[in-house]
Amino acid sequence: MEKEPVRVLVTGAAGQIGYALVPMIARGVMLGPDQPVILHMLDIPPAAEALNGVKMELVDAAFPLLKGVVATTDVVEACTGVNIAVMVGGFPRKEGMERKDVMSKNVSIYKSQASALEKQAAANCKVLVVANPANTNALILKEFAPSIPEKNITCLTRLDHNRALGQISERLNVQVSDVKNVIIWGNHSSTQYPDVNHATVKTPAGEKHVRELVKDDAWLNAEFITTVQQRGAAIIKARKLSSALSAASSACDHIRDWVLGTPEGTWVSMGVYSDGSYNVPAGLIYSFPVTCQNGEWKIVQGLSIDEFSRKKLDLTADELSEEKALAYSCLT
């Protein structure tokens, strides 16, 4: 018997990431090859015509799993009955803009979307914030949707996680699927800490630690970290546009693992509401290593943190605390 369709909201759906993401969802990349979906696409009124064009293409692609499309500029209609919300829409920082200006624009966007989700979304709706500043946008959303459980509001650091896997796989000339358990700690910004201290690679001689195989701590503690931290900027330089297909793909990975579970012995990175684990201040949306089972994530506990890592974890937490204060100052 065919499963009931899941309603998936994508905001900013006429934009670059949205355009890459909606066909992936319609093809079953996000929720599996046997899960029908109904897509809810939201964008701002100036993008209404482009949004309708995306809807036309979704119809033209004749996706077997796609059971309906709602394309709208009305936030209430977009949020009604959704089970999963992927928040891609946001206000991008433009040249000459102060951080506070960007923050204030995003605070007002996420405030209105939070109240619509709270009132209209299905019970137990899972939320993934992609738009930057992702961690703090997610925190604002949590603040203004108090009835959505805090464990259901997350932000995307899986893109950084996947970038870290990709760098290790290129360096060692191994399949990316054989590398696991890197960690992205903290903010989805250039202060994030890509950590390989617990990462392993599957080799013919069994699992080996990444550090043991790379045999170059200087690279792992410097160039590797900055490459992952600044990969987004490198892609903008190369494409003259920001990363879209990799962001869309990692958003699918994030939701798929959250809903369907992580493989045994593997963790992934998700921006989640901090409970004070690893001495990270509670009350921040911070990226941690997590495992997922039965639709719930759980922070991996008991990993050793050396002095080098401790400083990096604290640095990115400090930035998030500053962002939080800035966002809250926009509310007054």
C-alpha atoms as a PDB file:
ATOM      1  CA  MET A   1       0.000   0.000   0.000  1.00  0.00           C
ATOM      2  CA  GLU A   2       1.299   3.458  -0.912  1.00  0.00           C
ATOM      3  CA  LYS A   3       2.379   5.642   1.995  1.00  0.00           C
ATOM      4  CA  GLU A   4       0.568   8.876   2.848  1.00  0.00           C
ATOM      5  CA  PRO A   5       2.296  11.850   1.186  1.00  0.00           C
ATOM      6  CA  VAL A   6       4.551  14.006   3.356  1.00  0.00           C
ATOM      7  CA  ARG A   7       4.140  17.770   2.915  1.00  0.00           C
ATOM      8  CA  VAL A   8       7.515  19.495   2.514  1.00  0.00           C
ATOM      9  CA  LEU A   9       7.829  23.279   2.595  1.00  0.00           C
ATOM     10  CA  VAL A  10      10.705  25.007   0.800  1.00  0.00           C
ATOM     11  CA  THR A  11      10.933  28.767   1.327  1.00  0.00           C
ATOM     12  CA  GLY A  12      12.880  30.868  -1.170  1.00  0.00           C
ATOM     13  CA  ALA A  13      11.880  28.165  -3.644  1.00  0.00           C
ATOM     14  CA  ALA A  14      12.425  30.261  -6.790  1.00  0.00           C
ATOM     15  CA  GLY A  15      16.031  30.989  -5.796  1.00  0.00           C
ATOM     16  CA  GLN A  16      19.160  29.077  -6.742  1.00  0.00           C
ATOM     17  CA  ILE A  17      19.161  26.582  -3.864  1.00  0.00           C
ATOM     18  CA  GLY A  18      15.389  26.126  -4.090  1.00  0.00           C
ATOM     19  CA  TYR A  19      15.621  25.367  -7.805  1.00  0.00           C
ATOM     20  CA  ALA A  20      18.252  22.682  -7.110  1.00  0.00           C
ATOM     21  CA  LEU A  21      16.407  21.324  -4.069  1.00  0.00           C
ATOM     22  CA  VAL A  22      12.810  20.826  -5.213  1.00  0.00           C
ATOM     23  CA  PRO A  23      13.586  18.232  -7.913  1.00  0.00           C
ATOM     24  CA  MET A  24      15.717  16.282  -5.415  1.00  0.00           C
ATOM     25  CA  ILE A  25      12.784  16.174  -2.987  1.00  0.00           C
ATOM     26  CA  ALA A  26      10.364  15.223  -5.795  1.00  0.00           C
ATOM     27  CA  ARG A  27      12.686  12.406  -6.887  1.00  0.00           C
ATOM     28  CA  GLY A  28      12.846  10.852  -3.409  1.00  0.00           C
ATOM     29  CA  VAL A  29      16.398  11.913  -2.517  1.00  0.00           C
ATOM     30  CA  MET A  30      15.257  13.486   0.768  1.00  0.00           C
ATOM     31  CA  LEU A  31      12.707  10.996   2.107  1.00  0.00           C
ATOM     32  CA  GLY A  32      13.345   7.792   0.185  1.00  0.00           C
ATOM     33  CA  PRO A  33      12.258   6.189  -3.105  1.00  0.00           C
ATOM     34  CA  ASP A  34       8.913   4.978  -1.732  1.00  0.00           C
ATOM     35  CA  GLN A  35       7.748   8.145   0.047  1.00  0.00           C
ATOM     36  CA  PRO A  36       5.241  10.314  -1.877  1.00  0.00           C
ATOM     37  CA  VAL A  37       5.541  14.062  -1.290  1.00  0.00           C
ATOM     38  CA  ILE A  38       3.495  17.225  -1.712  1.00  0.00           C
ATOM     39  CA  LEU A  39       5.726  20.254  -2.233  1.00  0.00           C
ATOM     40  CA  HIS A  40       4.840  23.615  -0.707  1.00  0.00           C
ATOM     41  CA  MET A  41       6.916  26.372  -2.296  1.00  0.00           C
ATOM     42  CA  LEU A  42       7.025  29.890  -0.861  1.00  0.00           C
ATOM     43  CA  ASP A  43       8.746  32.977  -2.206  1.00  0.00           C
ATOM     44  CA  ILE A  44       8.361  36.753  -2.070  1.00  0.00           C
ATOM     45  CA  PRO A  45       5.884  38.533  -4.393  1.00  0.00           C
ATOM     46  CA  PRO A  46       8.579  39.869  -6.799  1.00  0.00           C
ATOM     47  CA  ALA A  47       9.553  36.220  -7.436  1.00  0.00           C
ATOM     48  CA  ALA A  48       5.958  35.010  -8.009  1.00  0.00           C
ATOM     49  CA  GLU A  49       6.368  34.601 -11.770  1.00  0.00           C
ATOM     50  CA  ALA A  50       9.666  32.713 -11.427  1.00  0.00           C
ATOM     51  CA  LEU A  51       8.044  30.522  -8.751  1.00  0.00           C
ATOM     52  CA  ASN A  52       5.235  29.661 -11.136  1.00  0.00           C
ATOM     53  CA  GLY A  53       7.897  28.722 -13.701  1.00  0.00           C
ATOM     54  CA  VAL A  54       9.419  26.274 -11.209  1.00  0.00           C
ATOM     55  CA  LYS A  55       5.956  24.785 -10.618  1.00  0.00           C
ATOM     56  CA  MET A  56       5.503  24.365 -14.397  1.00  0.00           C
ATOM     57  CA  GLU A  57       8.818  22.506 -14.598  1.00  0.00           C
ATOM     58  CA  LEU A  58       7.867  20.226 -11.709  1.00  0.00           C
ATOM     59  CA  VAL A  59       4.675  19.325 -13.598  1.00  0.00           C
ATOM     60  CA  ASP A  60       6.695  18.816 -16.797  1.00  0.00           C
ATOM     61  CA  ALA A  61       9.135  16.456 -15.063  1.00  0.00           C
ATOM     62  CA  ALA A  62       6.276  14.054 -14.220  1.00  0.00           C
ATOM     63  CA  PHE A  63       7.857  12.852 -10.974  1.00  0.00           C
ATOM     64  CA  PRO A  64       5.997   9.706  -9.866  1.00  0.00           C
ATOM     65  CA  LEU A  65       6.421  10.535  -6.150  1.00  0.00           C
ATOM     66  CA  LEU A  66       5.159  14.109  -6.477  1.00  0.00           C
ATOM     67  CA  LYS A  67       1.483  14.114  -5.491  1.00  0.00           C
ATOM     68  CA  GLY A  68       0.885  17.866  -5.517  1.00  0.00           C
ATOM     69  CA  VAL A  69       2.491  21.311  -5.629  1.00  0.00           C
ATOM     70  CA  VAL A  70       1.471  24.436  -3.743  1.00  0.00           C
ATOM     71  CA  ALA A  71       3.303  27.510  -5.104  1.00  0.00           C
ATOM     72  CA  THR A  72       2.469  30.693  -3.243  1.00  0.00           C
ATOM     73  CA  THR A  73       3.649  34.033  -1.899  1.00  0.00           C
ATOM     74  CA  ASP A  74       1.293  33.687   1.084  1.00  0.00           C
ATOM     75  CA  VAL A  75       3.114  32.442   4.180  1.00  0.00           C
ATOM     76  CA  VAL A  76      -0.020  31.019   5.840  1.00  0.00           C
ATOM     77  CA  GLU A  77      -0.994  28.972   2.765  1.00  0.00           C
ATOM     78  CA  ALA A  78       2.620  27.784   2.406  1.00  0.00           C
ATOM     79  CA  CYS A  79       2.883  26.577   6.016  1.00  0.00           C
ATOM     80  CA  THR A  80      -0.504  24.854   6.257  1.00  0.00           C
ATOM     81  CA  GLY A  81      -0.185  21.189   7.195  1.00  0.00           C
ATOM     82  CA  VAL A  82       3.547  20.881   6.463  1.00  0.00           C
ATOM     83  CA  ASN A  83       5.479  18.022   8.087  1.00  0.00           C
ATOM     84  CA  ILE A  84       8.950  19.253   7.099  1.00  0.00           C
ATOM     85  CA  ALA A  85      10.032  22.864   6.562  1.00  0.00           C
ATOM     86  CA  VAL A  86      13.281  23.747   4.785  1.00  0.00           C
ATOM     87  CA  MET A  87      13.883  27.460   5.271  1.00  0.00           C
ATOM     88  CA  VAL A  88      16.053  28.559   2.366  1.00  0.00           C
ATOM     89  CA  GLY A  89      14.632  32.080   2.007  1.00  0.00           C
ATOM     90  CA  GLY A  90      16.427  34.875   3.791  1.00  0.00           C
ATOM     91  CA  PHE A  91      17.908  38.303   3.248  1.00  0.00           C
ATOM     92  CA  PRO A  92      21.428  38.000   1.801  1.00  0.00           C
ATOM     93  CA  ARG A  93      24.138  40.376   2.913  1.00  0.00           C
ATOM     94  CA  LYS A  94      24.844  42.927   0.208  1.00  0.00           C
ATOM     95  CA  GLU A  95      27.963  44.972  -0.311  1.00  0.00           C
ATOM     96  CA  GLY A  96      28.286  47.816   2.145  1.00  0.00           C
ATOM     97  CA  MET A  97      25.728  46.378   4.573  1.00  0.00           C
ATOM     98  CA  GLU A  98      26.474  46.169   8.255  1.00  0.00           C
ATOM     99  CA  ARG A  99      25.907  42.809   9.985  1.00  0.00           C
ATOM    100  CA  LYS A 100      23.220  44.379  12.130  1.00  0.00           C
ATOM    101  CA  ASP A 101      21.260  45.481   9.035  1.00  0.00           C
ATOM    102  CA  VAL A 102      21.283  41.947   7.652  1.00  0.00           C
ATOM    103  CA  MET A 103      20.395  40.533  11.048  1.00  0.00           C
ATOM    104  CA  SER A 104      17.480  42.926  11.464  1.00  0.00           C
ATOM    105  CA  LYS A 105      16.056  41.973   8.014  1.00  0.00           C
ATOM    106  CA  ASN A 106      16.346  38.267   8.817  1.00  0.00           C
ATOM    107  CA  VAL A 107      14.882  38.673  12.287  1.00  0.00           C
ATOM    108  CA  SER A 108      11.709  40.129  10.780  1.00  0.00           C
ATOM    109  CA  ILE A 109      11.523  37.390   8.086  1.00  0.00           C
ATOM    110  CA  TYR A 110      12.013  34.549  10.600  1.00  0.00           C
ATOM    111  CA  LYS A 111       9.671  36.106  13.121  1.00  0.00           C
ATOM    112  CA  SER A 112       6.758  36.102  10.652  1.00  0.00           C
ATOM    113  CA  GLN A 113       7.564  32.642   9.269  1.00  0.00           C
ATOM    114  CA  ALA A 114       7.875  31.253  12.808  1.00  0.00           C
ATOM    115  CA  SER A 115       4.389  32.389  13.773  1.00  0.00           C
ATOM    116  CA  ALA A 116       2.899  31.000  10.542  1.00  0.00           C
ATOM    117  CA  LEU A 117       4.613  27.632  11.108  1.00  0.00           C
ATOM    118  CA  GLU A 118       3.506  27.548  14.713  1.00  0.00           C
ATOM    119  CA  LYS A 119      -0.131  28.146  13.805  1.00  0.00           C
ATOM    120  CA  GLN A 120      -0.369  26.204  10.537  1.00  0.00           C
ATOM    121  CA  ALA A 121       2.196  23.383  10.389  1.00  0.00           C
ATOM    122  CA  ALA A 122       1.395  19.757  11.204  1.00  0.00           C
ATOM    123  CA  ALA A 123       2.126  18.528  14.726  1.00  0.00           C
ATOM    124  CA  ASN A 124       5.764  17.496  15.179  1.00  0.00           C
ATOM    125  CA  CYS A 125       6.893  19.453  12.095  1.00  0.00           C
ATOM    126  CA  LYS A 126      10.669  19.221  11.587  1.00  0.00           C
ATOM    127  CA  VAL A 127      12.409  22.477  10.653  1.00  0.00           C
ATOM    128  CA  LEU A 128      15.763  22.945   8.901  1.00  0.00           C
ATOM    129  CA  VAL A 129      17.121  26.489   8.486  1.00  0.00           C
ATOM    130  CA  VAL A 130      19.518  26.941   5.569  1.00  0.00           C
ATOM    131  CA  ALA A 131      19.483  30.737   5.056  1.00  0.00           C
ATOM    132  CA  ASN A 132      22.369  32.599   6.676  1.00  0.00           C
ATOM    133  CA  PRO A 133      23.083  33.397   9.439  1.00  0.00           C
ATOM    134  CA  ALA A 134      21.587  29.893   9.740  1.00  0.00           C
ATOM    135  CA  ASN A 135      22.247  29.195  13.435  1.00  0.00           C
ATOM    136  CA  THR A 136      20.851  32.515  14.596  1.00  0.00           C
ATOM    137  CA  ASN A 137      17.913  32.479  12.146  1.00  0.00           C
ATOM    138  CA  ALA A 138      17.013  29.089  13.658  1.00  0.00           C
ATOM    139  CA  LEU A 139      17.248  30.555  17.155  1.00  0.00           C
ATOM    140  CA  ILE A 140      14.885  33.417  16.215  1.00  0.00           C
ATOM    141  CA  LEU A 141      12.480  30.906  14.696  1.00  0.00           C
ATOM    142  CA  LYS A 142      12.564  28.881  17.924  1.00  0.00           C
ATOM    143  CA  GLU A 143      11.912  32.025  19.960  1.00  0.00           C
ATOM    144  CA  PHE A 144       8.776  32.907  17.976  1.00  0.00           C
ATOM    145  CA  ALA A 145       7.385  29.399  17.612  1.00  0.00           C
ATOM    146  CA  PRO A 146       7.409  28.320  21.272  1.00  0.00           C
ATOM    147  CA  SER A 147       4.989  25.435  20.711  1.00  0.00           C
ATOM    148  CA  ILE A 148       7.342  23.746  18.196  1.00  0.00           C
ATOM    149  CA  PRO A 149       9.617  21.548  20.340  1.00  0.00           C
ATOM    150  CA  GLU A 150      13.188  22.909  20.433  1.00  0.00           C
ATOM    151  CA  LYS A 151      14.489  19.516  19.278  1.00  0.00           C
ATOM    152  CA  ASN A 152      12.541  20.033  16.034  1.00  0.00           C
ATOM    153  CA  ILE A 153      14.400  23.204  15.046  1.00  0.00           C
ATOM    154  CA  THR A 154      17.800  22.688  13.438  1.00  0.00           C
ATOM    155  CA  CYS A 155      20.161  24.434  11.063  1.00  0.00           C
ATOM    156  CA  LEU A 156      22.316  23.169   8.217  1.00  0.00           C
ATOM    157  CA  THR A 157      25.972  22.356   8.888  1.00  0.00           C
ATOM    158  CA  ARG A 158      25.824  19.129   6.893  1.00  0.00           C
ATOM    159  CA  LEU A 159      27.207  21.062   3.916  1.00  0.00           C
ATOM    160  CA  ASP A 160      30.351  21.830   5.939  1.00  0.00           C
ATOM    161  CA  HIS A 161      30.437  18.216   7.180  1.00  0.00           C
ATOM    162  CA  ASN A 162      30.253  16.935   3.594  1.00  0.00           C
ATOM    163  CA  ARG A 163      32.915  19.436   2.501  1.00  0.00           C
ATOM    164  CA  ALA A 164      35.208  18.061   5.212  1.00  0.00           C
ATOM    165  CA  LEU A 165      34.557  14.470   4.055  1.00  0.00           C
ATOM    166  CA  GLY A 166      35.312  15.564   0.483  1.00  0.00           C
ATOM    167  CA  GLN A 167      38.632  17.195   1.418  1.00  0.00           C
ATOM    168  CA  ILE A 168      39.817  14.086   3.299  1.00  0.00           C
ATOM    169  CA  SER A 169      38.742  11.797   0.457  1.00  0.00           C
ATOM    170  CA  GLU A 170      40.631  13.946  -2.098  1.00  0.00           C
ATOM    171  CA  ARG A 171      43.730  14.151   0.077  1.00  0.00           C
ATOM    172  CA  LEU A 172      43.895  10.384   0.650  1.00  0.00           C
ATOM    173  CA  ASN A 173      42.550   9.457  -2.776  1.00  0.00           C
ATOM    174  CA  VAL A 174      39.837   7.243  -1.254  1.00  0.00           C
ATOM    175  CA  GLN A 175      36.090   7.008  -1.853  1.00  0.00           C
ATOM    176  CA  VAL A 176      34.186   9.656   0.098  1.00  0.00           C
ATOM    177  CA  SER A 177      31.784   6.919   1.271  1.00  0.00           C
ATOM    178  CA  ASP A 178      34.720   5.269   3.072  1.00  0.00           C
ATOM    179  CA  VAL A 179      35.365   8.367   5.236  1.00  0.00           C
ATOM    180  CA  LYS A 180      33.189   8.954   8.304  1.00  0.00           C
ATOM    181  CA  ASN A 181      32.806  10.749  11.618  1.00  0.00           C
ATOM    182  CA  VAL A 182      34.324  14.120  10.880  1.00  0.00           C
ATOM    183  CA  ILE A 183      32.662  16.778  13.050  1.00  0.00           C
ATOM    184  CA  ILE A 184      31.661  20.365  12.411  1.00  0.00           C
ATOM    185  CA  TRP A 185      31.468  22.230  15.692  1.00  0.00           C
ATOM    186  CA  GLY A 186      29.712  25.552  16.152  1.00  0.00           C
ATOM    187  CA  ASN A 187      28.547  28.189  13.730  1.00  0.00           C
ATOM    188  CA  HIS A 188      27.897  27.828   9.997  1.00  0.00           C
ATOM    189  CA  SER A 189      30.426  30.602   9.415  1.00  0.00           C
ATOM    190  CA  SER A 190      34.170  30.941   9.006  1.00  0.00           C
ATOM    191  CA  THR A 191      34.647  30.285  12.753  1.00  0.00           C
ATOM    192  CA  GLN A 192      33.242  26.745  12.482  1.00  0.00           C
ATOM    193  CA  TYR A 193      35.668  24.025  13.563  1.00  0.00           C
ATOM    194  CA  PRO A 194      36.035  21.035  11.217  1.00  0.00           C
ATOM    195  CA  ASP A 195      37.455  18.335  13.506  1.00  0.00           C
ATOM    196  CA  VAL A 196      39.018  15.075  12.251  1.00  0.00           C
ATOM    197  CA  ASN A 197      40.277  13.786  15.607  1.00  0.00           C
ATOM    198  CA  HIS A 198      37.646  11.023  15.694  1.00  0.00           C
ATOM    199  CA  ALA A 199      37.279  10.495  11.936  1.00  0.00           C
ATOM    200  CA  THR A 200      38.117   7.170  10.312  1.00  0.00           C
ATOM    201  CA  VAL A 201      38.609   5.709   6.846  1.00  0.00           C
ATOM    202  CA  LYS A 202      37.644   2.216   5.740  1.00  0.00           C
ATOM    203  CA  THR A 203      40.753   0.545   4.277  1.00  0.00           C
ATOM    204  CA  PRO A 204      41.463  -3.040   3.144  1.00  0.00           C
ATOM    205  CA  ALA A 205      43.235  -3.448   6.508  1.00  0.00           C
ATOM    206  CA  GLY A 206      40.182  -2.246   8.484  1.00  0.00           C
ATOM    207  CA  GLU A 207      39.219   1.171   9.831  1.00  0.00           C
ATOM    208  CA  LYS A 208      42.105   3.594  10.327  1.00  0.00           C
ATOM    209  CA  HIS A 209      42.166   7.040  11.921  1.00  0.00           C
ATOM    210  CA  VAL A 210      42.371   9.945   9.498  1.00  0.00           C
ATOM    211  CA  ARG A 211      45.358  11.460  11.317  1.00  0.00           C
ATOM    212  CA  GLU A 212      47.243   8.184  11.057  1.00  0.00           C
ATOM    213  CA  LEU A 213      46.641   8.011   7.289  1.00  0.00           C
ATOM    214  CA  VAL A 214      47.166  11.680   6.397  1.00  0.00           C
ATOM    215  CA  LYS A 215      50.404  11.803   8.437  1.00  0.00           C
ATOM    216  CA  ASP A 216      50.446  15.597   8.230  1.00  0.00           C
ATOM    217  CA  ASP A 217      49.139  17.335  11.350  1.00  0.00           C
ATOM    218  CA  ALA A 218      50.294  20.717  10.045  1.00  0.00           C
ATOM    219  CA  TRP A 219      47.900  20.361   7.082  1.00  0.00           C
ATOM    220  CA  LEU A 220      45.038  18.977   9.199  1.00  0.00           C
ATOM    221  CA  ASN A 221      45.376  21.750  11.812  1.00  0.00           C
ATOM    222  CA  ALA A 222      45.640  24.625   9.349  1.00  0.00           C
ATOM    223  CA  GLU A 223      45.006  24.388   5.605  1.00  0.00           C
ATOM    224  CA  PHE A 224      42.346  21.671   5.871  1.00  0.00           C
ATOM    225  CA  ILE A 225      40.403  23.742   8.419  1.00  0.00           C
ATOM    226  CA  THR A 226      40.559  26.996   6.441  1.00  0.00           C
ATOM    227  CA  THR A 227      39.662  25.230   3.170  1.00  0.00           C
ATOM    228  CA  VAL A 228      36.456  23.879   4.726  1.00  0.00           C
ATOM    229  CA  GLN A 229      35.707  27.165   6.513  1.00  0.00           C
ATOM    230  CA  GLN A 230      36.133  29.200   3.330  1.00  0.00           C
ATOM    231  CA  ARG A 231      34.836  26.761   0.733  1.00  0.00           C
ATOM    232  CA  GLY A 232      31.657  28.802   0.200  1.00  0.00           C
ATOM    233  CA  ALA A 233      33.697  31.890  -0.704  1.00  0.00           C
ATOM    234  CA  ALA A 234      35.905  29.808  -3.038  1.00  0.00           C
ATOM    235  CA  ILE A 235      32.802  28.593  -4.902  1.00  0.00           C
ATOM    236  CA  ILE A 236      31.442  32.134  -5.247  1.00  0.00           C
ATOM    237  CA  LYS A 237      34.824  33.165  -6.693  1.00  0.00           C
ATOM    238  CA  ALA A 238      34.744  30.288  -9.200  1.00  0.00           C
ATOM    239  CA  ARG A 239      31.043  30.313 -10.159  1.00  0.00           C
ATOM    240  CA  LYS A 240      30.254  33.995  -9.520  1.00  0.00           C
ATOM    241  CA  LEU A 241      27.269  32.484  -7.669  1.00  0.00           C
ATOM    242  CA  SER A 242      26.972  30.845  -4.269  1.00  0.00           C
ATOM    243  CA  SER A 243      26.955  27.075  -3.821  1.00  0.00           C
ATOM    244  CA  ALA A 244      23.489  25.775  -4.628  1.00  0.00           C
ATOM    245  CA  LEU A 245      23.566  22.128  -5.689  1.00  0.00           C
ATOM    246  CA  SER A 246      25.846  21.108  -2.794  1.00  0.00           C
ATOM    247  CA  ALA A 247      23.674  23.058  -0.329  1.00  0.00           C
ATOM    248  CA  ALA A 248      20.515  21.424  -1.705  1.00  0.00           C
ATOM    249  CA  SER A 249      22.088  17.968  -1.620  1.00  0.00           C
ATOM    250  CA  SER A 250      23.277  18.357   1.970  1.00  0.00           C
ATOM    251  CA  ALA A 251      19.837  19.649   3.043  1.00  0.00           C
ATOM    252  CA  CYS A 252      18.438  16.362   1.684  1.00  0.00           C
ATOM    253  CA  ASP A 253      21.132  14.418   3.584  1.00  0.00           C
ATOM    254  CA  HIS A 254      20.298  16.293   6.818  1.00  0.00           C
ATOM    255  CA  ILE A 255      16.554  15.567   6.641  1.00  0.00           C
ATOM    256  CA  ARG A 256      16.981  12.019   5.348  1.00  0.00           C
ATOM    257  CA  ASP A 257      19.281  11.007   8.204  1.00  0.00           C
ATOM    258  CA  TRP A 258      17.090  12.805  10.767  1.00  0.00           C
ATOM    259  CA  VAL A 259      13.917  11.057   9.548  1.00  0.00           C
ATOM    260  CA  LEU A 260      15.300   7.658   8.490  1.00  0.00           C
ATOM    261  CA  GLY A 261      18.269   7.363  10.889  1.00  0.00           C
ATOM    262  CA  THR A 262      22.064   7.367  10.687  1.00  0.00           C
ATOM    263  CA  PRO A 263      23.933   4.132   9.956  1.00  0.00           C
ATOM    264  CA  GLU A 264      25.193   2.226  13.001  1.00  0.00           C
ATOM    265  CA  GLY A 265      28.573   3.593  14.144  1.00  0.00           C
ATOM    266  CA  THR A 266      28.284   6.789  12.076  1.00  0.00           C
ATOM    267  CA  TRP A 267      27.479  10.282  13.212  1.00  0.00           C
ATOM    268  CA  VAL A 268      26.721  13.450  11.259  1.00  0.00           C
ATOM    269  CA  SER A 269      26.860  17.175  12.059  1.00  0.00           C
ATOM    270  CA  MET A 270      23.658  19.127  12.733  1.00  0.00           C
ATOM    271  CA  GLY A 271      23.081  22.580  14.168  1.00  0.00           C
ATOM    272  CA  VAL A 272      20.881  21.852  17.198  1.00  0.00           C
ATOM    273  CA  TYR A 273      19.765  23.538  20.416  1.00  0.00           C
ATOM    274  CA  SER A 274      22.619  23.271  22.899  1.00  0.00           C
ATOM    275  CA  ASP A 275      21.971  21.607  26.245  1.00  0.00           C
ATOM    276  CA  GLY A 276      25.420  22.474  27.623  1.00  0.00           C
ATOM    277  CA  SER A 277      27.158  19.368  26.192  1.00  0.00           C
ATOM    278  CA  TYR A 278      30.929  19.795  25.714  1.00  0.00           C
ATOM    279  CA  ASN A 279      30.708  22.989  27.820  1.00  0.00           C
ATOM    280  CA  VAL A 280      29.003  24.832  24.999  1.00  0.00           C
ATOM    281  CA  PRO A 281      26.683  27.486  26.466  1.00  0.00           C
ATOM    282  CA  ALA A 282      23.085  26.242  26.605  1.00  0.00           C
ATOM    283  CA  GLY A 283      20.579  28.208  24.557  1.00  0.00           C
ATOM    284  CA  LEU A 284      22.605  28.494  21.340  1.00  0.00           C
ATOM    285  CA  ILE A 285      21.932  26.648  18.087  1.00  0.00           C
ATOM    286  CA  TYR A 286      25.361  25.028  17.714  1.00  0.00           C
ATOM    287  CA  SER A 287      26.650  22.295  15.442  1.00  0.00           C
ATOM    288  CA  PHE A 288      27.381  19.013  17.232  1.00  0.00           C
ATOM    289  CA  PRO A 289      28.049  15.422  16.192  1.00  0.00           C
ATOM    290  CA  VAL A 290      24.708  13.599  16.370  1.00  0.00           C
ATOM    291  CA  THR A 291      23.217  10.202  15.685  1.00  0.00           C
ATOM    292  CA  CYS A 292      19.579   9.860  14.608  1.00  0.00           C
ATOM    293  CA  GLN A 293      17.056   7.120  15.287  1.00  0.00           C
ATOM    294  CA  ASN A 294      13.248   7.003  14.981  1.00  0.00           C
ATOM    295  CA  GLY A 295      13.119  10.625  13.849  1.00  0.00           C
ATOM    296  CA  GLU A 296      15.085  11.958  16.850  1.00  0.00           C
ATOM    297  CA  TRP A 297      18.666  13.258  17.018  1.00  0.00           C
ATOM    298  CA  LYS A 298      20.986  12.744  19.964  1.00  0.00           C
ATOM    299  CA  ILE A 299      24.322  14.467  20.623  1.00  0.00           C
ATOM    300  CA  VAL A 300      27.230  11.992  20.643  1.00  0.00           C
ATOM    301  CA  GLN A 301      28.675  12.161  24.158  1.00  0.00           C
ATOM    302  CA  GLY A 302      32.072  11.380  25.684  1.00  0.00           C
ATOM    303  CA  LEU A 303      34.380  12.367  22.819  1.00  0.00           C
ATOM    304  CA  SER A 304      37.774  13.600  23.985  1.00  0.00           C
ATOM    305  CA  ILE A 305      38.496  17.263  23.247  1.00  0.00           C
ATOM    306  CA  ASP A 306      42.150  18.317  23.200  1.00  0.00           C
ATOM    307  CA  GLU A 307      43.404  21.811  24.014  1.00  0.00           C
ATOM    308  CA  PHE A 308      43.603  22.898  20.344  1.00  0.00           C
ATOM    309  CA  SER A 309      39.992  21.792  19.791  1.00  0.00           C
ATOM    310  CA  ARG A 310      38.759  23.371  23.033  1.00  0.00           C
ATOM    311  CA  LYS A 311      39.926  26.809  21.885  1.00  0.00           C
ATOM    312  CA  LYS A 312      38.190  26.350  18.530  1.00  0.00           C
ATOM    313  CA  LEU A 313      34.923  25.206  20.171  1.00  0.00           C
ATOM    314  CA  ASP A 314      34.973  28.246  22.461  1.00  0.00           C
ATOM    315  CA  LEU A 315      35.818  30.697  19.673  1.00  0.00           C
ATOM    316  CA  THR A 316      32.827  29.698  17.542  1.00  0.00           C
ATOM    317  CA  ALA A 317      30.562  29.661  20.641  1.00  0.00           C
ATOM    318  CA  ASP A 318      31.652  33.225  21.418  1.00  0.00           C
ATOM    319  CA  GLU A 319      30.690  34.309  17.905  1.00  0.00           C
ATOM    320  CA  LEU A 320      27.278  32.661  18.279  1.00  0.00           C
ATOM    321  CA  SER A 321      26.696  34.389  21.620  1.00  0.00           C
ATOM    322  CA  GLU A 322      27.532  37.734  19.952  1.00  0.00           C
ATOM    323  CA  GLU A 323      25.162  36.976  17.057  1.00  0.00           C
ATOM    324  CA  LYS A 324      22.432  36.027  19.514  1.00  0.00           C
ATOM    325  CA  ALA A 325      22.863  39.343  21.377  1.00  0.00           C
ATOM    326  CA  LEU A 326      22.797  41.237  18.063  1.00  0.00           C
ATOM    327  CA  ALA A 327      19.637  39.426  16.934  1.00  0.00           C
ATOM    328  CA  TYR A 328      17.888  40.062  20.239  1.00  0.00           C
ATOM    329  CA  SER A 329      18.854  43.743  20.074  1.00  0.00           C
ATOM    330  CA  CYS A 330      16.969  43.894  16.740  1.00  0.00           C
ATOM    331  CA  LEU A 331      13.827  42.758  18.556  1.00  0.00           C
ATOM    332  CA  THR A 332      13.687  45.755  20.851  1.00  0.00           C
END
